[in-house]
Amino acid sequence: MDRVSQKKIINRFRRIEGQLRGLQKLVEGEAPCLDILTQVSAVTAAVKKAGAEVIHIYIEQCLAETSGKSEAERTLKMEEFQKALSRYIDMA
């Protein structure tokens, strides 16, 4: 992953981290359940968007690195990506 993409993903995770801390404070402060669920939904959406961005980067950068590699290496990379993508989709 290049530095620009890495920074972009890290910034997303830092925002998510802040959202989680806010969620903890809501629970500790005994906020209404609807407020807590709204924040849980926001965090879930943010994590999904971060995952989608990682997938996009992987497709652009990591799979591009397989050009010039053997068929077996390309197949292995594609299988690894498919497994990771399946786990991500199952999470959603």
Foldseek 3Di string as FASTA:
>chain_A
DDPVLVVVLVVLVVVLVVLVVVLVVCVVVVHDPVVSVVSVVVSVVSVLVSVVSVLVCCVVPVLVVCVVPDPVVNVVSVVVSVVVVVVSVVVD
